[in-house]
Amino acid sequence: MESKAKTVEPKDQVSGDHLEKLSHRMTRLTEEAGLTLAETTKAVGSMTAVMELLRSQATDVEKMAEEVRELAGTAQKRAESARTFSILATISSTICTGLAVVLLVLLIQVKG
């Protein structure tokens, strides 16, 4: 069997100067990537802190909303009590007026 593998000969020779330039470029790119990663990490940390603050504030708002609902319920109960008191005051006033009329009639009969 005959081997069909071919030997690849480089067409261009890469000089040591080219390799050094490439190495410097790769070093700068690596440094820039490291800085970008550090900035991204810092930004993610800041965003995480902001999200935690928002969650905390959302919890506080939920608590306040619950307190407002409780106060609204109390206000509604007080309004119902005030209506009941108003009805009782009207009934009491009517009874007093009726008693005054009865007393007036009795007074007229006693004098008469």
Protein backbone atom coordinates (compact mmCIF):
# COMPACT_ATOMS: atom_id res chain seq x y z
CA MET A 1 0.00 0.00 0.00
CA GLU A 2 1.20 3.33 -0.95
CA SER A 3 0.75 6.28 1.43
CA LYS A 4 -1.19 9.18 -0.03
CA ALA A 5 -0.27 11.63 2.71
CA LYS A 6 1.32 14.83 1.48
CA THR A 7 3.81 16.95 3.26
CA VAL A 8 2.68 20.53 3.61
CA GLU A 9 5.45 23.00 3.05
CA PRO A 10 5.00 26.46 4.59
CA LYS A 11 4.64 29.07 1.87
CA ASP A 12 5.70 31.99 3.99
CA GLN A 13 8.16 31.96 6.78
CA VAL A 14 7.06 33.81 9.92
CA SER A 15 9.87 35.93 11.23
CA GLY A 16 10.71 36.28 14.89
CA ASP A 17 9.81 39.97 14.63
CA HIS A 18 6.28 39.07 13.52
CA LEU A 19 5.93 36.59 16.36
CA GLU A 20 7.09 39.20 18.86
CA LYS A 21 4.57 41.76 17.54
CA LEU A 22 1.85 39.15 17.67
CA SER A 23 2.87 38.26 21.20
CA HIS A 24 2.70 41.94 22.28
CA ARG A 25 -0.70 42.34 20.66
CA MET A 26 -2.00 39.21 22.35
CA THR A 27 -0.63 40.46 25.68
CA ARG A 28 -2.43 43.83 25.25
CA LEU A 29 -5.65 42.10 24.22
CA THR A 30 -5.41 39.84 27.27
CA GLU A 31 -4.85 42.86 29.53
CA GLU A 32 -7.78 44.72 27.93
CA ALA A 33 -9.96 41.65 28.30
CA GLY A 34 -8.95 41.43 31.96
CA LEU A 35 -9.84 45.10 32.50
CA THR A 36 -13.14 44.64 30.71
CA LEU A 37 -13.90 41.59 32.82
CA ALA A 38 -13.08 43.54 36.00
CA GLU A 39 -15.33 46.42 34.92
CA THR A 40 -18.11 43.99 34.02
CA THR A 41 -17.75 42.22 37.37
CA LYS A 42 -17.92 45.57 39.16
CA ALA A 43 -21.01 46.56 37.15
CA VAL A 44 -22.69 43.24 37.93
CA GLY A 45 -21.92 43.76 41.62
CA SER A 46 -23.47 47.22 41.49
CA MET A 47 -26.53 45.91 39.66
CA THR A 48 -26.90 43.15 42.25
CA ALA A 49 -26.80 45.73 45.04
CA VAL A 50 -29.43 47.82 43.26
CA MET A 51 -31.65 44.75 42.80
CA GLU A 52 -31.35 43.93 46.51
CA LEU A 53 -32.27 47.52 47.37
CA LEU A 54 -35.29 47.33 45.05
CA ARG A 55 -36.37 44.04 46.62
CA SER A 56 -36.06 45.58 50.07
CA GLN A 57 -38.08 48.62 49.03
CA ALA A 58 -40.70 46.40 47.39
CA THR A 59 -41.06 44.53 50.68
CA ASP A 60 -41.44 47.84 52.53
CA VAL A 61 -44.08 48.97 50.02
CA GLU A 62 -45.96 45.70 50.47
CA LYS A 63 -45.92 46.19 54.26
CA MET A 64 -47.17 49.77 53.87
CA ALA A 65 -49.92 48.60 51.51
CA GLU A 66 -51.04 46.06 54.11
CA GLU A 67 -51.11 48.78 56.78
CA VAL A 68 -53.16 51.01 54.46
CA ARG A 69 -55.63 48.15 53.87
CA GLU A 70 -55.94 47.67 57.65
CA LEU A 71 -56.48 51.41 58.17
CA ALA A 72 -59.10 51.45 55.41
CA GLY A 73 -60.90 48.57 57.14
CA THR A 74 -60.81 50.45 60.44
CA ALA A 75 -62.09 53.61 58.76
CA GLN A 76 -64.92 51.65 57.16
CA LYS A 77 -65.90 50.16 60.54
CA ARG A 78 -65.86 53.63 62.09
CA ALA A 79 -68.00 55.01 59.28
CA GLU A 80 -70.51 52.20 59.83
CA SER A 81 -70.49 52.95 63.57
CA ALA A 82 -71.08 56.65 62.83
CA ARG A 83 -74.06 55.77 60.59
CA THR A 84 -75.46 53.54 63.33
CA PHE A 85 -74.96 56.32 65.89
CA SER A 86 -76.69 58.79 63.56
CA ILE A 87 -79.67 56.45 63.19
CA LEU A 88 -79.83 55.97 66.98
CA ALA A 89 -79.64 59.74 67.50
CA THR A 90 -82.52 60.23 65.06
CA ILE A 91 -84.60 57.58 66.86
CA SER A 92 -83.73 59.12 70.22
CA SER A 93 -84.73 62.56 68.96
CA THR A 94 -88.02 61.21 67.67
CA ILE A 95 -88.73 59.51 71.00
CA CYS A 96 -87.91 62.72 72.90
CA THR A 97 -90.22 64.69 70.63
CA GLY A 98 -92.95 62.12 71.19
CA LEU A 99 -92.45 62.26 74.96
CA ALA A 100 -92.56 66.05 74.88
CA VAL A 101 -95.89 65.90 73.04
CA VAL A 102 -97.27 63.36 75.53
CA LEU A 103 -96.11 65.53 78.46
CA LEU A 104 -97.68 68.58 76.83
CA VAL A 105 -100.96 66.74 76.37
CA LEU A 106 -100.88 65.54 79.99
CA LEU A 107 -100.10 69.06 81.18
CA ILE A 108 -103.02 70.43 79.20
CA GLN A 109 -105.33 67.77 80.66
CA VAL A 110 -104.14 68.42 84.22
CA LYS A 111 -104.71 72.17 83.87
CA GLY A 112 -107.93 71.73 82.06
